[in-house]
Amino acid sequence: MKYMLLIYTDERAWTEAEREHCFAESTQLVHQLKANGQYLATAPLLPVAAATSVRVRDGKRLVTDGPFAETREQLGGYFLIDAKDLDEAIGIAGRIPGARKGTVEIRPVLEIEGLPDSTGDNRKH
């Protein structure tokens, strides 16, 4: 089953040196997950100051700078993994460096028939 691991943390909680170390640790984790056939994708996100939110109400688009809501922790990145079950996903989430200063939310991915996979192939594999 695919799981999205969403990494939330207070952007101000990290020094630049800590952030670089986090990226290095995350890169090592990605290589381990890839070797185990569990890695699908990952990426850190730019700070919320770079975010743009879009809402459509009554057919009108409203575009605003910043995130959807003010929170103490911001979405800072994600891992998309393939795990046999929630327990395995929890184990992986606990190895993500961001979990030490923030929260990793685990969400099962709902797979919809007919969508192309990452290769552009519409067939279900």
PDB file of N, CA and C in Angstrom:
ATOM      1  N   MET A   1       0.841  -1.173   0.000  1.00  0.00           N
ATOM      2  CA  MET A   1       0.000   0.000   0.000  1.00  0.00           C
ATOM      3  C   MET A   1       0.887   1.237   0.000  1.00  0.00           C
ATOM      4  N   LYS A   2       0.433   2.268  -0.684  1.00  0.00           N
ATOM      5  CA  LYS A   2       1.174   3.527  -0.713  1.00  0.00           C
ATOM      6  C   LYS A   2       0.746   4.401   0.457  1.00  0.00           C
ATOM      7  N   TYR A   3       1.740   5.062   1.058  1.00  0.00           N
ATOM      8  CA  TYR A   3       1.496   5.993   2.151  1.00  0.00           C
ATOM      9  C   TYR A   3       2.220   7.301   1.863  1.00  0.00           C
ATOM     10  N   MET A   4       1.544   8.407   2.162  1.00  0.00           N
ATOM     11  CA  MET A   4       2.161   9.723   2.092  1.00  0.00           C
ATOM     12  C   MET A   4       2.534  10.094   3.514  1.00  0.00           C
ATOM     13  N   LEU A   5       3.800  10.390   3.722  1.00  0.00           N
ATOM     14  CA  LEU A   5       4.298  10.809   5.022  1.00  0.00           C
ATOM     15  C   LEU A   5       4.543  12.311   4.942  1.00  0.00           C
ATOM     16  N   LEU A   6       3.683  13.080   5.581  1.00  0.00           N
ATOM     17  CA  LEU A   6       3.740  14.536   5.521  1.00  0.00           C
ATOM     18  C   LEU A   6       4.488  15.057   6.743  1.00  0.00           C
ATOM     19  N   ILE A   7       5.513  15.838   6.507  1.00  0.00           N
ATOM     20  CA  ILE A   7       6.408  16.295   7.574  1.00  0.00           C
ATOM     21  C   ILE A   7       6.057  17.732   7.943  1.00  0.00           C
ATOM     22  N   TYR A   8       5.586  17.911   9.177  1.00  0.00           N
ATOM     23  CA  TYR A   8       5.229  19.229   9.687  1.00  0.00           C
ATOM     24  C   TYR A   8       6.212  19.630  10.770  1.00  0.00           C
ATOM     25  N   THR A   9       6.682  20.856  10.710  1.00  0.00           N
ATOM     26  CA  THR A   9       7.589  21.370  11.735  1.00  0.00           C
ATOM     27  C   THR A   9       7.531  22.888  11.733  1.00  0.00           C
ATOM     28  N   ASP A  10       7.938  23.475  12.819  1.00  0.00           N
ATOM     29  CA  ASP A  10       8.068  24.928  12.885  1.00  0.00           C
ATOM     30  C   ASP A  10       9.329  25.290  12.112  1.00  0.00           C
ATOM     31  N   GLU A  11       9.163  26.025  11.036  1.00  0.00           N
ATOM     32  CA  GLU A  11      10.314  26.376  10.179  1.00  0.00           C
ATOM     33  C   GLU A  11      11.412  27.085  10.953  1.00  0.00           C
ATOM     34  N   ARG A  12      11.059  27.821  11.991  1.00  0.00           N
ATOM     35  CA  ARG A  12      12.042  28.579  12.763  1.00  0.00           C
ATOM     36  C   ARG A  12      12.792  27.705  13.761  1.00  0.00           C
ATOM     37  N   ALA A  13      12.393  26.442  13.914  1.00  0.00           N
ATOM     38  CA  ALA A  13      13.016  25.551  14.900  1.00  0.00           C
ATOM     39  C   ALA A  13      14.365  25.012  14.424  1.00  0.00           C
ATOM     40  N   TRP A  14      14.692  25.195  13.154  1.00  0.00           N
ATOM     41  CA  TRP A  14      15.907  24.617  12.568  1.00  0.00           C
ATOM     42  C   TRP A  14      16.948  25.691  12.289  1.00  0.00           C
ATOM     43  N   THR A  15      18.175  25.456  12.704  1.00  0.00           N
ATOM     44  CA  THR A  15      19.275  26.304  12.254  1.00  0.00           C
ATOM     45  C   THR A  15      19.640  25.832  10.843  1.00  0.00           C
ATOM     46  N   GLU A  16      20.395  26.622  10.140  1.00  0.00           N
ATOM     47  CA  GLU A  16      20.806  26.214   8.785  1.00  0.00           C
ATOM     48  C   GLU A  16      21.644  24.941   8.841  1.00  0.00           C
ATOM     49  N   ALA A  17      22.515  24.805   9.821  1.00  0.00           N
ATOM     50  CA  ALA A  17      23.343  23.598   9.965  1.00  0.00           C
ATOM     51  C   ALA A  17      22.467  22.377  10.250  1.00  0.00           C
ATOM     52  N   GLU A  18      21.463  22.544  11.109  1.00  0.00           N
ATOM     53  CA  GLU A  18      20.543  21.432  11.403  1.00  0.00           C
ATOM     54  C   GLU A  18      19.753  21.025  10.161  1.00  0.00           C
ATOM     55  N   ARG A  19      19.322  22.019   9.381  1.00  0.00           N
ATOM     56  CA  ARG A  19      18.562  21.741   8.152  1.00  0.00           C
ATOM     57  C   ARG A  19      19.432  20.954   7.165  1.00  0.00           C
ATOM     58  N   GLU A  20      20.680  21.359   6.999  1.00  0.00           N
ATOM     59  CA  GLU A  20      21.582  20.637   6.089  1.00  0.00           C
ATOM     60  C   GLU A  20      21.825  19.211   6.564  1.00  0.00           C
ATOM     61  N   HIS A  21      21.982  19.034   7.880  1.00  0.00           N
ATOM     62  CA  HIS A  21      22.165  17.691   8.442  1.00  0.00           C
ATOM     63  C   HIS A  21      20.901  16.848   8.225  1.00  0.00           C
ATOM     64  N   CYS A  22      19.743  17.457   8.385  1.00  0.00           N
ATOM     65  CA  CYS A  22      18.470  16.778   8.141  1.00  0.00           C
ATOM     66  C   CYS A  22      18.389  16.299   6.690  1.00  0.00           C
ATOM     67  N   PHE A  23      18.778  17.156   5.742  1.00  0.00           N
ATOM     68  CA  PHE A  23      18.766  16.771   4.324  1.00  0.00           C
ATOM     69  C   PHE A  23      19.707  15.599   4.077  1.00  0.00           C
ATOM     70  N   ALA A  24      20.875  15.628   4.698  1.00  0.00           N
ATOM     71  CA  ALA A  24      21.841  14.535   4.526  1.00  0.00           C
ATOM     72  C   ALA A  24      21.285  13.226   5.094  1.00  0.00           C
ATOM     73  N   GLU A  25      20.693  13.279   6.282  1.00  0.00           N
ATOM     74  CA  GLU A  25      20.091  12.080   6.879  1.00  0.00           C
ATOM     75  C   GLU A  25      18.928  11.570   6.043  1.00  0.00           C
ATOM     76  N   SER A  26      18.123  12.486   5.537  1.00  0.00           N
ATOM     77  CA  SER A  26      16.979  12.097   4.697  1.00  0.00           C
ATOM     78  C   SER A  26      17.458  11.422   3.425  1.00  0.00           C
ATOM     79  N   THR A  27      18.540  11.915   2.860  1.00  0.00           N
ATOM     80  CA  THR A  27      19.103  11.307   1.648  1.00  0.00           C
ATOM     81  C   THR A  27      19.551   9.878   1.933  1.00  0.00           C
ATOM     82  N   GLN A  28      20.177   9.662   3.077  1.00  0.00           N
ATOM     83  CA  GLN A  28      20.579   8.296   3.456  1.00  0.00           C
ATOM     84  C   GLN A  28      19.358   7.394   3.608  1.00  0.00           C
ATOM     85  N   LEU A  29      18.305   7.916   4.241  1.00  0.00           N
ATOM     86  CA  LEU A  29      17.082   7.145   4.410  1.00  0.00           C
ATOM     87  C   LEU A  29      16.477   6.777   3.053  1.00  0.00           C
ATOM     88  N   VAL A  30      16.460   7.727   2.123  1.00  0.00           N
ATOM     89  CA  VAL A  30      15.920   7.464   0.790  1.00  0.00           C
ATOM     90  C   VAL A  30      16.676   6.316   0.120  1.00  0.00           C
ATOM     91  N   HIS A  31      17.998   6.317   0.235  1.00  0.00           N
ATOM     92  CA  HIS A  31      18.780   5.233  -0.374  1.00  0.00           C
ATOM     93  C   HIS A  31      18.445   3.884   0.259  1.00  0.00           C
ATOM     94  N   GLN A  32      18.216   3.868   1.576  1.00  0.00           N
ATOM     95  CA  GLN A  32      17.822   2.620   2.245  1.00  0.00           C
ATOM     96  C   GLN A  32      16.446   2.163   1.783  1.00  0.00           C
ATOM     97  N   LEU A  33      15.499   3.106   1.691  1.00  0.00           N
ATOM     98  CA  LEU A  33      14.147   2.762   1.237  1.00  0.00           C
ATOM     99  C   LEU A  33      14.159   2.267  -0.207  1.00  0.00           C
ATOM    100  N   LYS A  34      14.959   2.908  -1.049  1.00  0.00           N
ATOM    101  CA  LYS A  34      15.056   2.483  -2.450  1.00  0.00           C
ATOM    102  C   LYS A  34      15.618   1.069  -2.533  1.00  0.00           C
ATOM    103  N   ALA A  35      16.634   0.770  -1.745  1.00  0.00           N
ATOM    104  CA  ALA A  35      17.223  -0.571  -1.737  1.00  0.00           C
ATOM    105  C   ALA A  35      16.213  -1.624  -1.291  1.00  0.00           C
ATOM    106  N   ASN A  36      15.260  -1.219  -0.436  1.00  0.00           N
ATOM    107  CA  ASN A  36      14.218  -2.133   0.046  1.00  0.00           C
ATOM    108  C   ASN A  36      12.981  -2.160  -0.848  1.00  0.00           C
ATOM    109  N   GLY A  37      12.983  -1.370  -1.935  1.00  0.00           N
ATOM    110  CA  GLY A  37      11.828  -1.316  -2.838  1.00  0.00           C
ATOM    111  C   GLY A  37      10.652  -0.545  -2.261  1.00  0.00           C
ATOM    112  N   GLN A  38      10.898   0.348  -1.293  1.00  0.00           N
ATOM    113  CA  GLN A  38       9.816   1.077  -0.640  1.00  0.00           C
ATOM    114  C   GLN A  38       9.740   2.542  -1.055  1.00  0.00           C
ATOM    115  N   TYR A  39      10.753   3.048  -1.724  1.00  0.00           N
ATOM    116  CA  TYR A  39      10.825   4.461  -2.079  1.00  0.00           C
ATOM    117  C   TYR A  39      10.021   4.747  -3.337  1.00  0.00           C
ATOM    118  N   LEU A  40       9.163   5.770  -3.271  1.00  0.00           N
ATOM    119  CA  LEU A  40       8.430   6.230  -4.451  1.00  0.00           C
ATOM    120  C   LEU A  40       8.783   7.678  -4.797  1.00  0.00           C
ATOM    121  N   ALA A  41       8.851   8.564  -3.791  1.00  0.00           N
ATOM    122  CA  ALA A  41       9.205   9.968  -4.039  1.00  0.00           C
ATOM    123  C   ALA A  41       9.429  10.673  -2.709  1.00  0.00           C
ATOM    124  N   THR A  42      10.159  11.765  -2.751  1.00  0.00           N
ATOM    125  CA  THR A  42      10.323  12.633  -1.589  1.00  0.00           C
ATOM    126  C   THR A  42      10.772  14.005  -2.060  1.00  0.00           C
ATOM    127  N   ALA A  43      10.483  15.021  -1.252  1.00  0.00           N
ATOM    128  CA  ALA A  43      10.984  16.365  -1.552  1.00  0.00           C
ATOM    129  C   ALA A  43      10.739  17.272  -0.364  1.00  0.00           C
ATOM    130  N   PRO A  44      11.712  18.118  -0.060  1.00  0.00           N
ATOM    131  CA  PRO A  44      11.445  19.185   0.902  1.00  0.00           C
ATOM    132  C   PRO A  44      10.707  20.304   0.164  1.00  0.00           C
ATOM    133  N   LEU A  45      10.009  21.123   0.923  1.00  0.00           N
ATOM    134  CA  LEU A  45       9.290  22.250   0.339  1.00  0.00           C
ATOM    135  C   LEU A  45       9.957  23.550   0.769  1.00  0.00           C
ATOM    136  N   LEU A  46       9.847  24.557  -0.071  1.00  0.00           N
ATOM    137  CA  LEU A  46      10.333  25.887   0.299  1.00  0.00           C
ATOM    138  C   LEU A  46       9.485  26.413   1.457  1.00  0.00           C
ATOM    139  N   PRO A  47       9.970  27.407   2.188  1.00  0.00           N
ATOM    140  CA  PRO A  47       9.206  27.950   3.322  1.00  0.00           C
ATOM    141  C   PRO A  47       7.826  28.454   2.905  1.00  0.00           C
ATOM    142  N   VAL A  48       6.927  28.564   3.898  1.00  0.00           N
ATOM    143  CA  VAL A  48       5.556  28.993   3.615  1.00  0.00           C
ATOM    144  C   VAL A  48       5.494  30.386   3.002  1.00  0.00           C
ATOM    145  N   ALA A  49       6.528  31.183   3.174  1.00  0.00           N
ATOM    146  CA  ALA A  49       6.546  32.512   2.547  1.00  0.00           C
ATOM    147  C   ALA A  49       6.485  32.395   1.025  1.00  0.00           C
ATOM    148  N   ALA A  50       6.874  31.236   0.482  1.00  0.00           N
ATOM    149  CA  ALA A  50       6.837  31.017  -0.966  1.00  0.00           C
ATOM    150  C   ALA A  50       5.521  30.391  -1.423  1.00  0.00           C
ATOM    151  N   ALA A  51       4.618  30.099  -0.475  1.00  0.00           N
ATOM    152  CA  ALA A  51       3.365  29.416  -0.810  1.00  0.00           C
ATOM    153  C   ALA A  51       2.341  30.358  -1.417  1.00  0.00           C
ATOM    154  N   THR A  52       1.468  29.781  -2.223  1.00  0.00           N
ATOM    155  CA  THR A  52       0.311  30.465  -2.780  1.00  0.00           C
ATOM    156  C   THR A  52      -0.880  29.538  -2.598  1.00  0.00           C
ATOM    157  N   SER A  53      -2.004  30.084  -2.162  1.00  0.00           N
ATOM    158  CA  SER A  53      -3.214  29.284  -1.980  1.00  0.00           C
ATOM    159  C   SER A  53      -4.260  29.707  -2.991  1.00  0.00           C
ATOM    160  N   VAL A  54      -4.991  28.726  -3.524  1.00  0.00           N
ATOM    161  CA  VAL A  54      -6.048  28.979  -4.504  1.00  0.00           C
ATOM    162  C   VAL A  54      -7.355  28.398  -3.962  1.00  0.00           C
ATOM    163  N   ARG A  55      -8.391  29.200  -4.001  1.00  0.00           N
ATOM    164  CA  ARG A  55      -9.735  28.755  -3.625  1.00  0.00           C
ATOM    165  C   ARG A  55     -10.673  29.160  -4.759  1.00  0.00           C
ATOM    166  N   VAL A  56     -11.664  28.335  -5.023  1.00  0.00           N
ATOM    167  CA  VAL A  56     -12.698  28.696  -5.992  1.00  0.00           C
ATOM    168  C   VAL A  56     -14.025  28.682  -5.251  1.00  0.00           C
ATOM    169  N   ARG A  57     -14.690  29.820  -5.222  1.00  0.00           N
ATOM    170  CA  ARG A  57     -15.982  29.966  -4.559  1.00  0.00           C
ATOM    171  C   ARG A  57     -16.942  30.622  -5.540  1.00  0.00           C
ATOM    172  N   ASP A  58     -18.094  30.002  -5.711  1.00  0.00           N
ATOM    173  CA  ASP A  58     -19.107  30.521  -6.636  1.00  0.00           C
ATOM    174  C   ASP A  58     -18.519  30.781  -8.015  1.00  0.00           C
ATOM    175  N   GLY A  59     -17.633  29.896  -8.454  1.00  0.00           N
ATOM    176  CA  GLY A  59     -17.039  30.005  -9.779  1.00  0.00           C
ATOM    177  C   GLY A  59     -15.940  31.041  -9.901  1.00  0.00           C
ATOM    178  N   LYS A  60     -15.583  31.704  -8.811  1.00  0.00           N
ATOM    179  CA  LYS A  60     -14.540  32.729  -8.847  1.00  0.00           C
ATOM    180  C   LYS A  60     -13.300  32.225  -8.130  1.00  0.00           C
ATOM    181  N   ARG A  61     -12.166  32.433  -8.759  1.00  0.00           N
ATOM    182  CA  ARG A  61     -10.886  32.014  -8.196  1.00  0.00           C
ATOM    183  C   ARG A  61     -10.309  33.111  -7.321  1.00  0.00           C
ATOM    184  N   LEU A  62      -9.894  32.732  -6.109  1.00  0.00           N
ATOM    185  CA  LEU A  62      -9.247  33.652  -5.188  1.00  0.00           C
ATOM    186  C   LEU A  62      -7.848  33.121  -4.929  1.00  0.00           C
ATOM    187  N   VAL A  63      -6.849  33.930  -5.243  1.00  0.00           N
ATOM    188  CA  VAL A  63      -5.452  33.549  -5.057  1.00  0.00           C
ATOM    189  C   VAL A  63      -4.868  34.431  -3.959  1.00  0.00           C
ATOM    190  N   THR A  64      -4.270  33.772  -2.943  1.00  0.00           N
ATOM    191  CA  THR A  64      -3.657  34.530  -1.846  1.00  0.00           C
ATOM    192  C   THR A  64      -2.249  34.024  -1.605  1.00  0.00           C
ATOM    193  N   ASP A  65      -1.402  34.896  -1.103  1.00  0.00           N
ATOM    194  CA  ASP A  65      -0.052  34.504  -0.726  1.00  0.00           C
ATOM    195  C   ASP A  65      -0.124  33.732   0.583  1.00  0.00           C
ATOM    196  N   GLY A  66       0.774  32.780   0.712  1.00  0.00           N
ATOM    197  CA  GLY A  66       0.902  32.058   1.968  1.00  0.00           C
ATOM    198  C   GLY A  66       0.084  30.786   2.022  1.00  0.00           C
ATOM    199  N   PRO A  67       0.180  30.093   3.157  1.00  0.00           N
ATOM    200  CA  PRO A  67      -0.511  28.817   3.322  1.00  0.00           C
ATOM    201  C   PRO A  67      -2.005  29.013   3.549  1.00  0.00           C
ATOM    202  N   PHE A  68      -2.733  27.927   3.519  1.00  0.00           N
ATOM    203  CA  PHE A  68      -4.181  27.951   3.711  1.00  0.00           C
ATOM    204  C   PHE A  68      -4.553  28.451   5.105  1.00  0.00           C
ATOM    205  N   ALA A  69      -3.794  28.021   6.117  1.00  0.00           N
ATOM    206  CA  ALA A  69      -4.124  28.386   7.497  1.00  0.00           C
ATOM    207  C   ALA A  69      -2.853  28.719   8.277  1.00  0.00           C
ATOM    208  N   GLU A  70      -3.008  29.571   9.254  1.00  0.00           N
ATOM    209  CA  GLU A  70      -1.905  29.875  10.166  1.00  0.00           C
ATOM    210  C   GLU A  70      -1.794  28.739  11.179  1.00  0.00           C
ATOM    211  N   THR A  71      -0.627  28.145  11.281  1.00  0.00           N
ATOM    212  CA  THR A  71      -0.418  27.061  12.239  1.00  0.00           C
ATOM    213  C   THR A  71       0.953  27.205  12.875  1.00  0.00           C
ATOM    214  N   ARG A  72       1.162  26.499  13.976  1.00  0.00           N
ATOM    215  CA  ARG A  72       2.476  26.522  14.616  1.00  0.00           C
ATOM    216  C   ARG A  72       3.478  25.702  13.829  1.00  0.00           C
ATOM    217  N   GLU A  73       3.001  24.631  13.183  1.00  0.00           N
ATOM    218  CA  GLU A  73       3.873  23.788  12.365  1.00  0.00           C
ATOM    219  C   GLU A  73       3.442  23.903  10.907  1.00  0.00           C
ATOM    220  N   GLN A  74       4.426  23.971  10.014  1.00  0.00           N
ATOM    221  CA  GLN A  74       4.138  24.107   8.599  1.00  0.00           C
ATOM    222  C   GLN A  74       4.534  22.821   7.871  1.00  0.00           C
ATOM    223  N   LEU A  75       3.864  22.556   6.761  1.00  0.00           N
ATOM    224  CA  LEU A  75       4.227  21.412   5.921  1.00  0.00           C
ATOM    225  C   LEU A  75       5.578  21.710   5.297  1.00  0.00           C
ATOM    226  N   GLY A  76       6.563  20.877   5.620  1.00  0.00           N
ATOM    227  CA  GLY A  76       7.925  21.140   5.172  1.00  0.00           C
ATOM    228  C   GLY A  76       8.430  20.178   4.122  1.00  0.00           C
ATOM    229  N   GLY A  77       7.720  19.082   3.907  1.00  0.00           N
ATOM    230  CA  GLY A  77       8.154  18.115   2.915  1.00  0.00           C
ATOM    231  C   GLY A  77       7.344  16.843   3.029  1.00  0.00           C
ATOM    232  N   TYR A  78       7.711  15.874   2.206  1.00  0.00           N
ATOM    233  CA  TYR A  78       6.960  14.619   2.196  1.00  0.00           C
ATOM    234  C   TYR A  78       7.839  13.474   1.735  1.00  0.00           C
ATOM    235  N   PHE A  79       7.416  12.285   2.087  1.00  0.00           N
ATOM    236  CA  PHE A  79       7.925  11.033   1.537  1.00  0.00           C
ATOM    237  C   PHE A  79       6.711  10.292   1.015  1.00  0.00           C
ATOM    238  N   LEU A  80       6.794   9.723  -0.165  1.00  0.00           N
ATOM    239  CA  LEU A  80       5.779   8.815  -0.678  1.00  0.00           C
ATOM    240  C   LEU A  80       6.425   7.443  -0.697  1.00  0.00           C
ATOM    241  N   ILE A  81       5.844   6.507   0.057  1.00  0.00           N
ATOM    242  CA  ILE A  81       6.463   5.194   0.218  1.00  0.00           C
ATOM    243  C   ILE A  81       5.485   4.084  -0.126  1.00  0.00           C
ATOM    244  N   ASP A  82       6.021   2.898  -0.279  1.00  0.00           N
ATOM    245  CA  ASP A  82       5.225   1.688  -0.436  1.00  0.00           C
ATOM    246  C   ASP A  82       5.547   0.819   0.772  1.00  0.00           C
ATOM    247  N   ALA A  83       4.561   0.552   1.600  1.00  0.00           N
ATOM    248  CA  ALA A  83       4.760  -0.247   2.811  1.00  0.00           C
ATOM    249  C   ALA A  83       3.691  -1.325   2.873  1.00  0.00           C
ATOM    250  N   LYS A  84       4.025  -2.438   3.508  1.00  0.00           N
ATOM    251  CA  LYS A  84       3.069  -3.553   3.545  1.00  0.00           C
ATOM    252  C   LYS A  84       1.864  -3.237   4.412  1.00  0.00           C
ATOM    253  N   ASP A  85       2.044  -2.371   5.427  1.00  0.00           N
ATOM    254  CA  ASP A  85       0.929  -2.015   6.300  1.00  0.00           C
ATOM    255  C   ASP A  85       1.276  -0.749   7.092  1.00  0.00           C
ATOM    256  N   LEU A  86       0.323  -0.309   7.915  1.00  0.00           N
ATOM    257  CA  LEU A  86       0.514   0.905   8.693  1.00  0.00           C
ATOM    258  C   LEU A  86       1.685   0.778   9.657  1.00  0.00           C
ATOM    259  N   ASP A  87       1.868  -0.389  10.263  1.00  0.00           N
ATOM    260  CA  ASP A  87       2.981  -0.562  11.193  1.00  0.00           C
ATOM    261  C   ASP A  87       4.319  -0.320  10.509  1.00  0.00           C
ATOM    262  N   GLU A  88       4.470  -0.824   9.286  1.00  0.00           N
ATOM    263  CA  GLU A  88       5.720  -0.600   8.556  1.00  0.00           C
ATOM    264  C   GLU A  88       5.875   0.883   8.221  1.00  0.00           C
ATOM    265  N   ALA A  89       4.772   1.555   7.846  1.00  0.00           N
ATOM    266  CA  ALA A  89       4.816   2.987   7.546  1.00  0.00           C
ATOM    267  C   ALA A  89       5.193   3.789   8.790  1.00  0.00           C
ATOM    268  N   ILE A  90       4.682   3.384   9.955  1.00  0.00           N
ATOM    269  CA  ILE A  90       5.025   4.053  11.209  1.00  0.00           C
ATOM    270  C   ILE A  90       6.519   3.906  11.490  1.00  0.00           C
ATOM    271  N   GLY A  91       7.054   2.729  11.249  1.00  0.00           N
ATOM    272  CA  GLY A  91       8.482   2.512  11.446  1.00  0.00           C
ATOM    273  C   GLY A  91       9.330   3.416  10.569  1.00  0.00           C
ATOM    274  N   ILE A  92       8.922   3.578   9.329  1.00  0.00           N
ATOM    275  CA  ILE A  92       9.653   4.462   8.413  1.00  0.00           C
ATOM    276  C   ILE A  92       9.508   5.915   8.849  1.00  0.00           C
ATOM    277  N   ALA A  93       8.289   6.325   9.224  1.00  0.00           N
ATOM    278  CA  ALA A  93       8.044   7.705   9.656  1.00  0.00           C
ATOM    279  C   ALA A  93       8.928   8.058  10.846  1.00  0.00           C
ATOM    280  N   GLY A  94       9.145   7.111  11.742  1.00  0.00           N
ATOM    281  CA  GLY A  94       9.991   7.355  12.902  1.00  0.00           C
ATOM    282  C   GLY A  94      11.454   7.541  12.570  1.00  0.00           C
ATOM    283  N   ARG A  95      11.851   7.152  11.371  1.00  0.00           N
ATOM    284  CA  ARG A  95      13.237   7.321  10.938  1.00  0.00           C
ATOM    285  C   ARG A  95      13.464   8.634  10.189  1.00  0.00           C
ATOM    286  N   ILE A  96      12.406   9.364   9.888  1.00  0.00           N
ATOM    287  CA  ILE A  96      12.534  10.641   9.187  1.00  0.00           C
ATOM    288  C   ILE A  96      13.063  11.678  10.170  1.00  0.00           C
ATOM    289  N   PRO A  97      14.162  12.360   9.835  1.00  0.00           N
ATOM    290  CA  PRO A  97      14.755  13.326  10.768  1.00  0.00           C
ATOM    291  C   PRO A  97      13.779  14.401  11.241  1.00  0.00           C
ATOM    292  N   GLY A  98      12.855  14.820  10.399  1.00  0.00           N
ATOM    293  CA  GLY A  98      11.896  15.858  10.787  1.00  0.00           C
ATOM    294  C   GLY A  98      11.004  15.462  11.940  1.00  0.00           C
ATOM    295  N   ALA A  99      10.874  14.162  12.194  1.00  0.00           N
ATOM    296  CA  ALA A  99      10.034  13.699  13.302  1.00  0.00           C
ATOM    297  C   ALA A  99      10.623  14.097  14.654  1.00  0.00           C
ATOM    298  N   ARG A 100      11.912  14.382  14.693  1.00  0.00           N
ATOM    299  CA  ARG A 100      12.557  14.737  15.959  1.00  0.00           C
ATOM    300  C   ARG A 100      12.215  16.161  16.420  1.00  0.00           C
ATOM    301  N   LYS A 101      11.832  17.034  15.494  1.00  0.00           N
ATOM    302  CA  LYS A 101      11.480  18.408  15.871  1.00  0.00           C
ATOM    303  C   LYS A 101      10.036  18.742  15.539  1.00  0.00           C
ATOM    304  N   GLY A 102       9.388  17.874  14.787  1.00  0.00           N
ATOM    305  CA  GLY A 102       8.028  18.157  14.360  1.00  0.00           C
ATOM    306  C   GLY A 102       7.169  16.903  14.404  1.00  0.00           C
ATOM    307  N   THR A 103       6.273  16.790  13.452  1.00  0.00           N
ATOM    308  CA  THR A 103       5.313  15.702  13.378  1.00  0.00           C
ATOM    309  C   THR A 103       5.314  15.125  11.973  1.00  0.00           C
ATOM    310  N   VAL A 104       5.241  13.809  11.867  1.00  0.00           N
ATOM    311  CA  VAL A 104       5.062  13.167  10.570  1.00  0.00           C
ATOM    312  C   VAL A 104       3.663  12.564  10.551  1.00  0.00           C
ATOM    313  N   GLU A 105       2.825  13.091   9.686  1.00  0.00           N
ATOM    314  CA  GLU A 105       1.465  12.579   9.515  1.00  0.00           C
ATOM    315  C   GLU A 105       1.495  11.490   8.442  1.00  0.00           C
ATOM    316  N   ILE A 106       0.901  10.347   8.736  1.00  0.00           N
ATOM    317  CA  ILE A 106       0.870   9.216   7.800  1.00  0.00           C
ATOM    318  C   ILE A 106      -0.528   9.127   7.215  1.00  0.00           C
ATOM    319  N   ARG A 107      -0.607   9.193   5.883  1.00  0.00           N
ATOM    320  CA  ARG A 107      -1.904   9.116   5.210  1.00  0.00           C
ATOM    321  C   ARG A 107      -1.850   8.041   4.141  1.00  0.00           C
ATOM    322  N   PRO A 108      -2.723   7.025   4.213  1.00  0.00           N
ATOM    323  CA  PRO A 108      -2.804   6.055   3.121  1.00  0.00           C
ATOM    324  C   PRO A 108      -3.236   6.779   1.840  1.00  0.00           C
ATOM    325  N   VAL A 109      -2.682   6.364   0.728  1.00  0.00           N
ATOM    326  CA  VAL A 109      -3.010   6.976  -0.561  1.00  0.00           C
ATOM    327  C   VAL A 109      -4.154   6.198  -1.194  1.00  0.00           C
ATOM    328  N   LEU A 110      -5.199   6.886  -1.570  1.00  0.00           N
ATOM    329  CA  LEU A 110      -6.335   6.281  -2.260  1.00  0.00           C
ATOM    330  C   LEU A 110      -5.977   6.179  -3.736  1.00  0.00           C
ATOM    331  N   GLU A 111      -5.934   4.970  -4.234  1.00  0.00           N
ATOM    332  CA  GLU A 111      -5.591   4.777  -5.641  1.00  0.00           C
ATOM    333  C   GLU A 111      -6.868   4.732  -6.464  1.00  0.00           C
ATOM    334  N   ILE A 112      -6.922   5.566  -7.485  1.00  0.00           N
ATOM    335  CA  ILE A 112      -8.095   5.693  -8.339  1.00  0.00           C
ATOM    336  C   ILE A 112      -7.792   5.050  -9.684  1.00  0.00           C
ATOM    337  N   GLU A 113      -8.661   4.173 -10.106  1.00  0.00           N
ATOM    338  CA  GLU A 113      -8.491   3.509 -11.405  1.00  0.00           C
ATOM    339  C   GLU A 113      -8.504   4.533 -12.536  1.00  0.00           C
ATOM    340  N   GLY A 114      -7.691   4.288 -13.552  1.00  0.00           N
ATOM    341  CA  GLY A 114      -7.691   5.104 -14.754  1.00  0.00           C
ATOM    342  C   GLY A 114      -6.708   6.256 -14.746  1.00  0.00           C
ATOM    343  N   LEU A 115      -6.081   6.536 -13.587  1.00  0.00           N
ATOM    344  CA  LEU A 115      -5.075   7.592 -13.567  1.00  0.00           C
ATOM    345  C   LEU A 115      -3.757   7.040 -14.080  1.00  0.00           C
ATOM    346  N   PRO A 116      -2.987   7.838 -14.813  1.00  0.00           N
ATOM    347  CA  PRO A 116      -1.679   7.346 -15.271  1.00  0.00           C
ATOM    348  C   PRO A 116      -0.743   7.199 -14.090  1.00  0.00           C
ATOM    349  N   ASP A 117       0.147   6.221 -14.169  1.00  0.00           N
ATOM    350  CA  ASP A 117       1.174   6.100 -13.127  1.00  0.00           C
ATOM    351  C   ASP A 117       2.282   7.102 -13.446  1.00  0.00           C
ATOM    352  N   SER A 118       3.350   7.088 -12.684  1.00  0.00           N
ATOM    353  CA  SER A 118       4.404   8.079 -12.860  1.00  0.00           C
ATOM    354  C   SER A 118       5.108   7.973 -14.193  1.00  0.00           C
ATOM    355  N   THR A 119       4.958   6.827 -14.891  1.00  0.00           N
ATOM    356  CA  THR A 119       5.573   6.676 -16.207  1.00  0.00           C
ATOM    357  C   THR A 119       4.637   7.148 -17.313  1.00  0.00           C
ATOM    358  N   GLY A 120       3.407   7.525 -16.939  1.00  0.00           N
ATOM    359  CA  GLY A 120       2.435   7.956 -17.940  1.00  0.00           C
ATOM    360  C   GLY A 120       1.600   6.806 -18.470  1.00  0.00           C
ATOM    361  N   ASP A 121       1.820   5.604 -17.958  1.00  0.00           N
ATOM    362  CA  ASP A 121       1.078   4.419 -18.384  1.00  0.00           C
ATOM    363  C   ASP A 121      -0.253   4.380 -17.639  1.00  0.00           C
ATOM    364  N   ASN A 122      -1.365   4.226 -18.359  1.00  0.00           N
ATOM    365  CA  ASN A 122      -2.685   4.202 -17.727  1.00  0.00           C
ATOM    366  C   ASN A 122      -3.055   2.850 -17.153  1.00  0.00           C
ATOM    367  N   ARG A 123      -2.303   1.812 -17.464  1.00  0.00           N
ATOM    368  CA  ARG A 123      -2.647   0.488 -16.978  1.00  0.00           C
ATOM    369  C   ARG A 123      -2.308   0.359 -15.505  1.00  0.00           C
ATOM    370  N   LYS A 124      -3.120  -0.414 -14.793  1.00  0.00           N
ATOM    371  CA  LYS A 124      -2.855  -0.707 -13.383  1.00  0.00           C
ATOM    372  C   LYS A 124      -1.801  -1.797 -13.330  1.00  0.00           C
ATOM    373  N   HIS A 125      -0.791  -1.626 -12.507  1.00  0.00           N
ATOM    374  CA  HIS A 125       0.293  -2.602 -12.403  1.00  0.00           C
ATOM    375  C   HIS A 125       0.112  -3.458 -11.188  1.00  0.00           C
TER     376      HIS A 125
END
